[in-house]
Amino acid sequence: AKMQEDLTKIARARNLLKVVARGSSNASSELEVEMLKFKDKQDAKDKKGVKVLSGQKGSVLQPGEYVGWRVTNSGRSRVTLDVTVLFINSQYGITPLFPKRGEGAGTVNRIRPDVSFWVGPFPVNAKTIGLEHLVVIAVKGEGQPIDFTCLAQPTLDLAREVTRGKDDQPLGTPLGRLLKNSMYGQGTTRDLGAEVEPDTQAFRLFSWFVTPPQKTEKK
């Protein structure tokens, strides 16, 4: 049973990454995300870091460094965006970074045109070395604010509850149906065909590799 649960977690995380990677290659210019790494805590506090390029191969980070993201609604089309930021660690856990769980009921994650916000900075965690990812999902902000923090893992009981959730928020949306189908195997192929028009959502994916802590030589 434990092995099956682990395999399920791995499959969900990988399928989410597939959807986002596919979408980010044709991503709308409305959503701009800049990843910065910082050499230490003070550097992170002052937001004086080095820009890290996005991409599936990513960059190499080391424990002791900090990393953060500046997310901007570019405002090119004057469209308001509902933004969700998810962190996927090397053990396939999915953690919402923005909004925090329970915050999305209001307008916390509804970002107006020409508005930026910071996610982090966070210390690089030595407990989960290996390939890690940041996923940014944005949908056009209409009606009740939408967030996808319900995709969090590893709580499998939560995942089962989510698949039984209401059809209106948020997994009942076209993008939500796509994500639910990919991660939980629910929905139909017809759901996938009508889905998501390019001007109604945007994805960004950042990936990096966390190396083991460097051992200091004894003198």
C-alpha atoms as a PDB file:
ATOM      1  CA  ALA A   1       0.000   0.000   0.000  1.00  0.00           C
ATOM      2  CA  LYS A   2       2.818   2.392   0.851  1.00  0.00           C
ATOM      3  CA  MET A   3       4.528   1.711  -2.472  1.00  0.00           C
ATOM      4  CA  GLN A   4       1.282   2.315  -4.348  1.00  0.00           C
ATOM      5  CA  GLU A   5       0.802   5.628  -2.539  1.00  0.00           C
ATOM      6  CA  ASP A   6       4.343   6.686  -3.442  1.00  0.00           C
ATOM      7  CA  LEU A   7       3.844   5.732  -7.089  1.00  0.00           C
ATOM      8  CA  THR A   8       0.605   7.719  -7.133  1.00  0.00           C
ATOM      9  CA  LYS A   9       2.377  10.812  -5.769  1.00  0.00           C
ATOM     10  CA  ILE A  10       5.123  10.491  -8.374  1.00  0.00           C
ATOM     11  CA  ALA A  11       2.620  10.120 -11.216  1.00  0.00           C
ATOM     12  CA  ARG A  12       0.583  13.152 -10.111  1.00  0.00           C
ATOM     13  CA  ALA A  13       3.616  15.406  -9.814  1.00  0.00           C
ATOM     14  CA  ARG A  14       5.034  14.284 -13.159  1.00  0.00           C
ATOM     15  CA  ASN A  15       1.718  14.730 -14.937  1.00  0.00           C
ATOM     16  CA  LEU A  16       1.356  18.235 -13.525  1.00  0.00           C
ATOM     17  CA  LEU A  17       4.844  19.063 -14.795  1.00  0.00           C
ATOM     18  CA  LYS A  18       3.965  17.702 -18.240  1.00  0.00           C
ATOM     19  CA  VAL A  19       0.875  19.915 -18.497  1.00  0.00           C
ATOM     20  CA  VAL A  20       2.772  23.003 -17.344  1.00  0.00           C
ATOM     21  CA  ALA A  21       5.825  22.358 -19.542  1.00  0.00           C
ATOM     22  CA  ARG A  22       3.573  21.940 -22.576  1.00  0.00           C
ATOM     23  CA  GLY A  23       1.673  25.117 -21.763  1.00  0.00           C
ATOM     24  CA  SER A  24       4.703  27.239 -20.910  1.00  0.00           C
ATOM     25  CA  SER A  25       6.225  26.693 -24.346  1.00  0.00           C
ATOM     26  CA  ASN A  26       3.358  28.736 -25.818  1.00  0.00           C
ATOM     27  CA  ALA A  27       2.852  30.911 -22.783  1.00  0.00           C
ATOM     28  CA  SER A  28       1.018  34.198 -22.884  1.00  0.00           C
ATOM     29  CA  SER A  29       3.163  37.290 -22.439  1.00  0.00           C
ATOM     30  CA  GLU A  30       0.771  38.517 -19.743  1.00  0.00           C
ATOM     31  CA  LEU A  31       2.638  36.602 -17.047  1.00  0.00           C
ATOM     32  CA  GLU A  32       6.271  37.435 -16.349  1.00  0.00           C
ATOM     33  CA  VAL A  33       8.247  35.475 -13.754  1.00  0.00           C
ATOM     34  CA  GLU A  34      11.833  36.197 -12.792  1.00  0.00           C
ATOM     35  CA  MET A  35      13.810  33.738 -10.648  1.00  0.00           C
ATOM     36  CA  LEU A  36      16.674  35.067  -8.513  1.00  0.00           C
ATOM     37  CA  LYS A  37      19.143  33.235  -6.311  1.00  0.00           C
ATOM     38  CA  PHE A  38      20.839  34.871  -3.361  1.00  0.00           C
ATOM     39  CA  LYS A  39      24.164  33.908  -1.785  1.00  0.00           C
ATOM     40  CA  ASP A  40      23.059  34.341   1.825  1.00  0.00           C
ATOM     41  CA  LYS A  41      20.304  35.532   4.148  1.00  0.00           C
ATOM     42  CA  GLN A  42      21.282  39.206   4.050  1.00  0.00           C
ATOM     43  CA  ASP A  43      21.510  39.158   0.278  1.00  0.00           C
ATOM     44  CA  ALA A  44      18.023  37.632   0.134  1.00  0.00           C
ATOM     45  CA  LYS A  45      16.671  40.268   2.508  1.00  0.00           C
ATOM     46  CA  ASP A  46      17.925  43.036   0.237  1.00  0.00           C
ATOM     47  CA  LYS A  47      16.657  41.219  -2.888  1.00  0.00           C
ATOM     48  CA  LYS A  48      20.073  41.606  -4.522  1.00  0.00           C
ATOM     49  CA  GLY A  49      20.474  38.352  -6.356  1.00  0.00           C
ATOM     50  CA  VAL A  50      21.500  36.748  -9.612  1.00  0.00           C
ATOM     51  CA  LYS A  51      18.878  36.036 -12.268  1.00  0.00           C
ATOM     52  CA  VAL A  52      18.300  32.337 -12.991  1.00  0.00           C
ATOM     53  CA  LEU A  53      17.011  31.383 -16.415  1.00  0.00           C
ATOM     54  CA  SER A  54      13.904  29.209 -16.699  1.00  0.00           C
ATOM     55  CA  GLY A  55      13.915  25.870 -18.453  1.00  0.00           C
ATOM     56  CA  GLN A  56      13.613  22.167 -17.725  1.00  0.00           C
ATOM     57  CA  LYS A  57      17.370  21.665 -17.192  1.00  0.00           C
ATOM     58  CA  GLY A  58      17.450  24.558 -14.780  1.00  0.00           C
ATOM     59  CA  SER A  59      20.290  25.694 -12.575  1.00  0.00           C
ATOM     60  CA  VAL A  60      22.316  24.229  -9.729  1.00  0.00           C
ATOM     61  CA  LEU A  61      21.578  25.448  -6.198  1.00  0.00           C
ATOM     62  CA  GLN A  62      23.326  24.632  -2.951  1.00  0.00           C
ATOM     63  CA  PRO A  63      22.056  24.476   0.629  1.00  0.00           C
ATOM     64  CA  GLY A  64      22.769  27.813   2.278  1.00  0.00           C
ATOM     65  CA  GLU A  65      21.651  29.792  -0.756  1.00  0.00           C
ATOM     66  CA  TYR A  66      18.257  31.451  -1.029  1.00  0.00           C
ATOM     67  CA  VAL A  67      15.893  31.626  -3.977  1.00  0.00           C
ATOM     68  CA  GLY A  68      12.908  33.823  -4.792  1.00  0.00           C
ATOM     69  CA  TRP A  69      10.625  34.800  -7.647  1.00  0.00           C
ATOM     70  CA  ARG A  70       9.205  38.111  -8.806  1.00  0.00           C
ATOM     71  CA  VAL A  71       5.844  37.567 -10.524  1.00  0.00           C
ATOM     72  CA  THR A  72       4.391  40.323 -12.698  1.00  0.00           C
ATOM     73  CA  ASN A  73       1.135  40.821 -14.544  1.00  0.00           C
ATOM     74  CA  SER A  74       2.648  42.678 -17.496  1.00  0.00           C
ATOM     75  CA  GLY A  75      -0.640  44.427 -18.252  1.00  0.00           C
ATOM     76  CA  ARG A  76      -0.138  44.188 -22.001  1.00  0.00           C
ATOM     77  CA  SER A  77      -3.788  43.297 -22.531  1.00  0.00           C
ATOM     78  CA  ARG A  78      -5.047  44.964 -19.338  1.00  0.00           C
ATOM     79  CA  VAL A  79      -6.245  41.571 -18.076  1.00  0.00           C
ATOM     80  CA  THR A  80      -6.489  40.738 -14.368  1.00  0.00           C
ATOM     81  CA  LEU A  81      -4.928  37.360 -13.467  1.00  0.00           C
ATOM     82  CA  ASP A  82      -5.613  34.824 -10.707  1.00  0.00           C
ATOM     83  CA  VAL A  83      -2.171  33.413  -9.875  1.00  0.00           C
ATOM     84  CA  THR A  84      -1.130  30.199  -8.113  1.00  0.00           C
ATOM     85  CA  VAL A  85       2.492  29.285  -7.310  1.00  0.00           C
ATOM     86  CA  LEU A  86       3.357  25.658  -6.459  1.00  0.00           C
ATOM     87  CA  PHE A  87       6.682  24.162  -5.354  1.00  0.00           C
ATOM     88  CA  ILE A  88       7.475  20.549  -6.306  1.00  0.00           C
ATOM     89  CA  ASN A  89      10.376  19.080  -4.358  1.00  0.00           C
ATOM     90  CA  SER A  90      12.587  16.171  -5.378  1.00  0.00           C
ATOM     91  CA  GLN A  91      10.383  13.788  -3.388  1.00  0.00           C
ATOM     92  CA  TYR A  92       7.319  14.802  -5.432  1.00  0.00           C
ATOM     93  CA  GLY A  93       5.671  16.765  -2.663  1.00  0.00           C
ATOM     94  CA  ILE A  94       3.585  19.699  -3.973  1.00  0.00           C
ATOM     95  CA  THR A  95       3.464  22.739  -1.688  1.00  0.00           C
ATOM     96  CA  PRO A  96       1.448  25.906  -2.405  1.00  0.00           C
ATOM     97  CA  LEU A  97       3.626  28.993  -1.964  1.00  0.00           C
ATOM     98  CA  PHE A  98       1.049  31.519  -3.199  1.00  0.00           C
ATOM     99  CA  PRO A  99      -1.614  31.902  -2.087  1.00  0.00           C
ATOM    100  CA  LYS A 100      -1.210  29.989   1.148  1.00  0.00           C
ATOM    101  CA  ARG A 101      -3.828  27.305   1.724  1.00  0.00           C
ATOM    102  CA  GLY A 102      -7.081  28.984   2.729  1.00  0.00           C
ATOM    103  CA  GLU A 103      -6.082  32.455   1.519  1.00  0.00           C
ATOM    104  CA  GLY A 104      -7.581  32.143  -1.943  1.00  0.00           C
ATOM    105  CA  ALA A 105     -11.175  32.533  -0.775  1.00  0.00           C
ATOM    106  CA  GLY A 106     -10.843  36.304  -1.160  1.00  0.00           C
ATOM    107  CA  THR A 107      -8.876  38.359  -3.645  1.00  0.00           C
ATOM    108  CA  VAL A 108      -5.394  37.595  -2.303  1.00  0.00           C
ATOM    109  CA  ASN A 109      -4.189  36.023  -5.542  1.00  0.00           C
ATOM    110  CA  ARG A 110      -6.040  38.321  -7.977  1.00  0.00           C
ATOM    111  CA  ILE A 111      -3.309  40.403  -9.588  1.00  0.00           C
ATOM    112  CA  ARG A 112      -4.195  43.555 -11.508  1.00  0.00           C
ATOM    113  CA  PRO A 113      -2.313  44.711 -14.632  1.00  0.00           C
ATOM    114  CA  ASP A 114       1.128  46.257 -14.015  1.00  0.00           C
ATOM    115  CA  VAL A 115       1.331  44.749 -10.505  1.00  0.00           C
ATOM    116  CA  SER A 116       4.248  42.631  -9.218  1.00  0.00           C
ATOM    117  CA  PHE A 117       4.707  40.555  -6.070  1.00  0.00           C
ATOM    118  CA  TRP A 118       7.466  38.448  -4.501  1.00  0.00           C
ATOM    119  CA  VAL A 119       7.342  34.765  -3.649  1.00  0.00           C
ATOM    120  CA  GLY A 120      10.101  34.048  -1.136  1.00  0.00           C
ATOM    121  CA  PRO A 121      13.002  34.272  -0.788  1.00  0.00           C
ATOM    122  CA  PHE A 122      13.295  30.784   0.697  1.00  0.00           C
ATOM    123  CA  PRO A 123      16.393  28.912   1.895  1.00  0.00           C
ATOM    124  CA  VAL A 124      17.499  25.988  -0.271  1.00  0.00           C
ATOM    125  CA  ASN A 125      16.600  22.860   1.698  1.00  0.00           C
ATOM    126  CA  ALA A 126      19.287  20.201   2.093  1.00  0.00           C
ATOM    127  CA  LYS A 127      16.683  17.585   3.075  1.00  0.00           C
ATOM    128  CA  THR A 128      15.373  17.165  -0.472  1.00  0.00           C
ATOM    129  CA  ILE A 129      18.380  17.211  -2.784  1.00  0.00           C
ATOM    130  CA  GLY A 130      17.865  16.553  -6.479  1.00  0.00           C
ATOM    131  CA  LEU A 131      15.658  18.030  -9.193  1.00  0.00           C
ATOM    132  CA  GLU A 132      13.023  20.507  -7.973  1.00  0.00           C
ATOM    133  CA  HIS A 133      10.532  22.787  -9.693  1.00  0.00           C
ATOM    134  CA  LEU A 134       8.425  25.900  -9.337  1.00  0.00           C
ATOM    135  CA  VAL A 135       5.122  25.986 -11.211  1.00  0.00           C
ATOM    136  CA  VAL A 136       3.225  29.234 -11.805  1.00  0.00           C
ATOM    137  CA  ILE A 137      -0.371  28.998 -13.058  1.00  0.00           C
ATOM    138  CA  ALA A 138      -2.384  32.058 -14.038  1.00  0.00           C
ATOM    139  CA  VAL A 139      -5.954  32.238 -15.297  1.00  0.00           C
ATOM    140  CA  LYS A 140      -8.014  35.214 -16.355  1.00  0.00           C
ATOM    141  CA  GLY A 141      -9.524  36.785 -13.241  1.00  0.00           C
ATOM    142  CA  GLU A 142     -13.283  36.652 -13.687  1.00  0.00           C
ATOM    143  CA  GLY A 143     -15.986  36.060 -11.085  1.00  0.00           C
ATOM    144  CA  GLN A 144     -14.898  34.259  -7.921  1.00  0.00           C
ATOM    145  CA  PRO A 145     -11.073  34.157  -7.625  1.00  0.00           C
ATOM    146  CA  ILE A 146      -9.560  30.831  -8.695  1.00  0.00           C
ATOM    147  CA  ASP A 147      -6.547  29.132  -7.134  1.00  0.00           C
ATOM    148  CA  PHE A 148      -5.085  25.657  -7.529  1.00  0.00           C
ATOM    149  CA  THR A 149      -3.678  25.134  -4.037  1.00  0.00           C
ATOM    150  CA  CYS A 150      -5.942  22.075  -3.862  1.00  0.00           C
ATOM    151  CA  LEU A 151      -3.327  20.212  -5.933  1.00  0.00           C
ATOM    152  CA  ALA A 152      -1.083  20.003  -2.855  1.00  0.00           C
ATOM    153  CA  GLN A 153       0.553  16.697  -1.882  1.00  0.00           C
ATOM    154  CA  PRO A 154       1.380  14.450  -0.099  1.00  0.00           C
ATOM    155  CA  THR A 155      -1.923  14.334   1.788  1.00  0.00           C
ATOM    156  CA  LEU A 156      -3.719  11.604  -0.184  1.00  0.00           C
ATOM    157  CA  ASP A 157      -6.940  12.025   1.790  1.00  0.00           C
ATOM    158  CA  LEU A 158      -7.029  15.631   0.589  1.00  0.00           C
ATOM    159  CA  ALA A 159      -6.464  14.542  -2.988  1.00  0.00           C
ATOM    160  CA  ARG A 160      -9.415  12.149  -2.830  1.00  0.00           C
ATOM    161  CA  GLU A 161     -11.573  14.882  -1.350  1.00  0.00           C
ATOM    162  CA  VAL A 162     -10.579  17.292  -4.093  1.00  0.00           C
ATOM    163  CA  THR A 163     -11.659  14.923  -6.867  1.00  0.00           C
ATOM    164  CA  ARG A 164     -15.121  14.796  -5.328  1.00  0.00           C
ATOM    165  CA  GLY A 165     -15.307  18.561  -5.011  1.00  0.00           C
ATOM    166  CA  LYS A 166     -17.761  20.977  -6.514  1.00  0.00           C
ATOM    167  CA  ASP A 167     -17.682  21.580 -10.250  1.00  0.00           C
ATOM    168  CA  ASP A 168     -17.563  25.342  -9.934  1.00  0.00           C
ATOM    169  CA  GLN A 169     -14.336  26.012  -7.996  1.00  0.00           C
ATOM    170  CA  PRO A 170     -11.620  25.480  -9.070  1.00  0.00           C
ATOM    171  CA  LEU A 171     -11.344  22.062 -10.723  1.00  0.00           C
ATOM    172  CA  GLY A 172     -14.607  22.573 -12.596  1.00  0.00           C
ATOM    173  CA  THR A 173     -13.002  25.242 -14.781  1.00  0.00           C
ATOM    174  CA  PRO A 174     -11.606  24.196 -18.196  1.00  0.00           C
ATOM    175  CA  LEU A 175      -8.037  24.333 -16.892  1.00  0.00           C
ATOM    176  CA  GLY A 176      -9.128  22.605 -13.682  1.00  0.00           C
ATOM    177  CA  ARG A 177     -10.649  19.731 -15.648  1.00  0.00           C
ATOM    178  CA  LEU A 178      -7.392  19.344 -17.570  1.00  0.00           C
ATOM    179  CA  LEU A 179      -5.349  19.237 -14.373  1.00  0.00           C
ATOM    180  CA  LYS A 180      -7.818  16.868 -12.669  1.00  0.00           C
ATOM    181  CA  ASN A 181      -7.742  14.528 -15.652  1.00  0.00           C
ATOM    182  CA  SER A 182      -3.945  14.558 -15.799  1.00  0.00           C
ATOM    183  CA  MET A 183      -3.302  14.158 -12.073  1.00  0.00           C
ATOM    184  CA  TYR A 184      -6.253  12.104 -10.844  1.00  0.00           C
ATOM    185  CA  GLY A 185      -7.378  10.277 -13.979  1.00  0.00           C
ATOM    186  CA  GLN A 186     -10.846  11.850 -13.844  1.00  0.00           C
ATOM    187  CA  GLY A 187     -12.675  13.369 -16.753  1.00  0.00           C
ATOM    188  CA  THR A 188     -12.936  12.442 -20.419  1.00  0.00           C
ATOM    189  CA  THR A 189     -10.932  12.990 -23.567  1.00  0.00           C
ATOM    190  CA  ARG A 190     -13.668  15.412 -24.595  1.00  0.00           C
ATOM    191  CA  ASP A 191     -12.729  17.531 -21.576  1.00  0.00           C
ATOM    192  CA  LEU A 192      -9.169  17.765 -22.873  1.00  0.00           C
ATOM    193  CA  GLY A 193     -10.153  18.886 -26.343  1.00  0.00           C
ATOM    194  CA  ALA A 194     -12.159  21.957 -25.477  1.00  0.00           C
ATOM    195  CA  GLU A 195      -9.993  23.151 -22.885  1.00  0.00           C
ATOM    196  CA  VAL A 196      -7.951  25.966 -22.532  1.00  0.00           C
ATOM    197  CA  GLU A 197      -7.741  28.844 -24.883  1.00  0.00           C
ATOM    198  CA  PRO A 198      -4.298  30.510 -25.020  1.00  0.00           C
ATOM    199  CA  ASP A 199      -5.601  33.884 -23.872  1.00  0.00           C
ATOM    200  CA  THR A 200      -7.332  32.505 -20.768  1.00  0.00           C
ATOM    201  CA  GLN A 201      -4.346  30.954 -18.970  1.00  0.00           C
ATOM    202  CA  ALA A 202      -0.575  31.050 -18.733  1.00  0.00           C
ATOM    203  CA  PHE A 203       2.046  28.747 -17.253  1.00  0.00           C
ATOM    204  CA  ARG A 204       5.640  29.200 -16.158  1.00  0.00           C
ATOM    205  CA  LEU A 205       8.034  26.438 -15.094  1.00  0.00           C
ATOM    206  CA  PHE A 206      11.372  26.846 -13.339  1.00  0.00           C
ATOM    207  CA  SER A 207      13.569  23.841 -12.555  1.00  0.00           C
ATOM    208  CA  TRP A 208      16.817  23.483 -10.638  1.00  0.00           C
ATOM    209  CA  PHE A 209      19.030  20.837  -9.107  1.00  0.00           C
ATOM    210  CA  VAL A 210      19.911  20.947  -5.415  1.00  0.00           C
ATOM    211  CA  THR A 211      23.344  19.467  -4.686  1.00  0.00           C
ATOM    212  CA  PRO A 212      24.314  17.807  -1.390  1.00  0.00           C
ATOM    213  CA  PRO A 213      25.851  20.111   1.225  1.00  0.00           C
ATOM    214  CA  GLN A 214      29.561  20.597   0.703  1.00  0.00           C
ATOM    215  CA  LYS A 215      31.688  19.062   3.428  1.00  0.00           C
ATOM    216  CA  THR A 216      34.235  21.354   5.014  1.00  0.00           C
ATOM    217  CA  GLU A 217      37.678  19.911   5.423  1.00  0.00           C
ATOM    218  CA  LYS A 218      39.028  19.662   8.930  1.00  0.00           C
ATOM    219  CA  LYS A 219      42.278  21.451   9.502  1.00  0.00           C
END
